[in-house]
Amino acid sequence: MFKRLASLSLYFVPLWLGAQTAEDYFHGGAQSYVWEKDREAQAQIFNGLRRYPNDPLLNRMAALLKKEEEKKQQQQQDQQKNQDQQKQQQQKQQDKQQQAGQDQQQKSSDQQKSEQQKKEDEQKQAANQSKEQKQDQQQTQQSPEQPW
């Protein structure tokens, strides 16, 4: 009886000490992976690989986790690239709108200047005509009338 208890206690001692087999690490990591706890899964698998570096299940799971990590990084890079492209397109659109507004303002300003210049020219022309009329009147008044 004592022998049996001794053998049972030796069996449970590793469990009490928290010792895990390669399979325990694999199952813990796989469960974390399934529940999308990637960091936890990586920690369990890579801790298991430190203790059991040649275990095929742990090595395959580690390869899967690395592949998933690379895939996520690529997706993040692609997403960042798309966001950058969208920002550039928005900036170009804003620049176009701003330029169109400036062009419209310039056109309006040019039109106002043209109208102002036209008014000034008309005023000068009217002033010149008025001046010529006065000169003609003065000449007519000053010159003696000659009969024909």
Protein backbone atom coordinates (compact mmCIF):
# COMPACT_ATOMS: atom_id res chain seq x y z
CA MET A 1 0.00 0.00 0.00
CA PHE A 2 2.80 2.37 0.88
CA LYS A 3 4.41 1.66 -2.46
CA ARG A 4 1.24 2.60 -4.25
CA LEU A 5 0.90 5.87 -2.37
CA ALA A 6 4.51 6.67 -3.04
CA SER A 7 4.12 6.04 -6.76
CA LEU A 8 0.91 8.11 -6.87
CA SER A 9 2.56 10.96 -5.03
CA LEU A 10 5.46 10.88 -7.49
CA TYR A 11 2.96 11.06 -10.30
CA PHE A 12 1.21 14.13 -8.86
CA VAL A 13 4.34 15.99 -7.71
CA PRO A 14 5.03 17.47 -11.16
CA LEU A 15 1.43 18.67 -11.33
CA TRP A 16 1.75 20.34 -7.92
CA LEU A 17 4.97 22.00 -8.97
CA GLY A 18 3.32 23.37 -12.10
CA ALA A 19 5.42 21.29 -14.48
CA GLN A 20 3.96 21.08 -17.96
CA THR A 21 4.56 18.73 -20.80
CA ALA A 22 5.09 19.83 -24.38
CA GLU A 23 1.53 18.77 -25.04
CA ASP A 24 0.28 21.01 -22.20
CA TYR A 25 2.06 24.01 -23.73
CA PHE A 26 0.67 23.13 -27.15
CA HIS A 27 -2.91 22.77 -25.92
CA GLY A 28 -2.73 25.98 -23.89
CA GLY A 29 -1.30 27.88 -26.83
CA ALA A 30 -3.80 26.36 -29.26
CA GLN A 31 -6.71 27.27 -27.01
CA SER A 32 -5.47 30.84 -26.67
CA TYR A 33 -5.05 31.01 -30.43
CA VAL A 34 -8.62 29.79 -31.00
CA TRP A 35 -9.90 32.46 -28.61
CA GLU A 36 -7.84 35.05 -30.54
CA LYS A 37 -5.53 35.73 -27.62
CA ASP A 38 -2.50 35.86 -29.89
CA ARG A 39 -0.02 37.27 -27.37
CA GLU A 40 -0.97 34.66 -24.80
CA ALA A 41 -0.75 31.90 -27.40
CA GLN A 42 2.71 33.06 -28.46
CA ALA A 43 3.89 33.20 -24.86
CA GLN A 44 2.70 29.66 -24.14
CA ILE A 45 4.08 28.16 -27.34
CA PHE A 46 7.47 29.87 -27.13
CA ASN A 47 7.79 29.05 -23.42
CA GLY A 48 7.10 25.43 -24.35
CA LEU A 49 9.74 25.59 -27.08
CA ARG A 50 12.31 26.77 -24.55
CA ARG A 51 11.72 23.60 -22.57
CA TYR A 52 11.01 21.31 -25.51
CA PRO A 53 12.82 22.78 -28.54
CA ASN A 54 12.42 19.66 -30.70
CA ASP A 55 8.70 19.07 -30.16
CA PRO A 56 7.02 18.91 -33.59
CA LEU A 57 3.61 20.19 -32.41
CA LEU A 58 5.14 23.21 -30.69
CA ASN A 59 7.34 23.92 -33.71
CA ARG A 60 4.40 23.74 -36.13
CA MET A 61 2.29 25.94 -33.89
CA ALA A 62 5.16 28.43 -33.58
CA ALA A 63 5.46 28.52 -37.39
CA LEU A 64 1.71 29.15 -37.67
CA LEU A 65 1.87 31.96 -35.12
CA LYS A 66 4.81 33.58 -36.91
CA LYS A 67 2.97 33.32 -40.22
CA GLU A 68 -0.15 34.90 -38.68
CA GLU A 69 1.94 37.70 -37.17
CA GLU A 70 3.55 38.43 -40.54
CA LYS A 71 0.12 38.41 -42.18
CA LYS A 72 -1.21 40.91 -39.64
CA GLN A 73 1.80 43.16 -40.10
CA GLN A 74 1.33 43.08 -43.87
CA GLN A 75 -2.35 43.94 -43.47
CA GLN A 76 -1.46 46.85 -41.20
CA GLN A 77 1.10 48.10 -43.72
CA ASP A 78 -1.43 47.81 -46.53
CA GLN A 79 -4.04 49.60 -44.46
CA GLN A 80 -1.58 52.37 -43.62
CA LYS A 81 -0.64 52.68 -47.27
CA ASN A 82 -4.31 52.96 -48.25
CA GLN A 83 -4.90 55.60 -45.59
CA ASP A 84 -1.88 57.56 -46.81
CA GLN A 85 -3.16 57.38 -50.40
CA GLN A 86 -6.60 58.56 -49.30
CA LYS A 87 -5.06 61.47 -47.42
CA GLN A 88 -3.03 62.41 -50.50
CA GLN A 89 -6.12 62.27 -52.69
CA GLN A 90 -8.07 64.39 -50.21
CA GLN A 91 -5.20 66.89 -50.07
CA LYS A 92 -5.08 67.06 -53.87
CA GLN A 93 -8.85 67.61 -53.97
CA GLN A 94 -8.58 70.37 -51.37
CA ASP A 95 -5.72 71.95 -53.30
CA LYS A 96 -7.81 71.87 -56.49
CA GLN A 97 -10.77 73.44 -54.73
CA GLN A 98 -8.57 76.08 -53.17
CA GLN A 99 -6.95 76.83 -56.53
CA ALA A 100 -10.37 77.04 -58.18
CA GLY A 101 -11.47 79.50 -55.50
CA GLN A 102 -8.36 81.58 -56.00
CA ASP A 103 -8.86 81.50 -59.77
CA GLN A 104 -12.46 82.64 -59.31
CA GLN A 105 -11.35 85.45 -57.02
CA GLN A 106 -8.68 86.49 -59.52
CA LYS A 107 -11.20 86.42 -62.35
CA SER A 108 -13.63 88.50 -60.32
CA SER A 109 -10.87 90.93 -59.38
CA ASP A 110 -9.73 91.19 -63.00
CA GLN A 111 -13.31 91.77 -64.09
CA GLN A 112 -13.75 94.50 -61.49
CA LYS A 113 -10.51 96.15 -62.60
CA SER A 114 -11.63 95.94 -66.21
CA GLU A 115 -14.99 97.52 -65.38
CA GLN A 116 -13.27 100.21 -63.32
CA GLN A 117 -10.85 100.92 -66.16
CA LYS A 118 -13.77 101.08 -68.59
CA LYS A 119 -15.58 103.58 -66.34
CA GLU A 120 -12.45 105.68 -66.03
CA ASP A 121 -11.95 105.63 -69.80
CA GLU A 122 -15.58 106.67 -70.33
CA GLN A 123 -15.18 109.46 -67.80
CA LYS A 124 -11.99 110.65 -69.48
CA GLN A 125 -13.67 110.48 -72.87
CA ALA A 126 -16.67 112.43 -71.56
CA ALA A 127 -14.35 114.97 -69.96
CA ASN A 128 -12.41 115.32 -73.21
CA GLN A 129 -15.63 115.77 -75.20
CA SER A 130 -16.84 118.35 -72.72
CA LYS A 131 -13.50 120.12 -72.92
CA GLU A 132 -13.56 120.06 -76.73
CA GLN A 133 -17.09 121.44 -76.74
CA LYS A 134 -16.06 124.29 -74.44
CA GLN A 135 -13.06 125.01 -76.63
CA ASP A 136 -15.26 124.99 -79.72
CA GLN A 137 -17.70 127.37 -78.03
CA GLN A 138 -14.87 129.66 -76.97
CA GLN A 139 -13.44 129.68 -80.48
CA THR A 140 -16.82 130.39 -81.93
CA GLN A 141 -17.33 133.25 -79.55
CA GLN A 142 -13.88 134.70 -80.12
CA SER A 143 -13.74 134.50 -83.84
CA PRO A 144 -15.58 137.21 -85.74
CA GLU A 145 -18.39 136.04 -87.83
CA GLN A 146 -17.61 136.15 -91.45
CA PRO A 147 -20.41 136.43 -93.87
CA TRP A 148 -20.46 134.20 -96.81
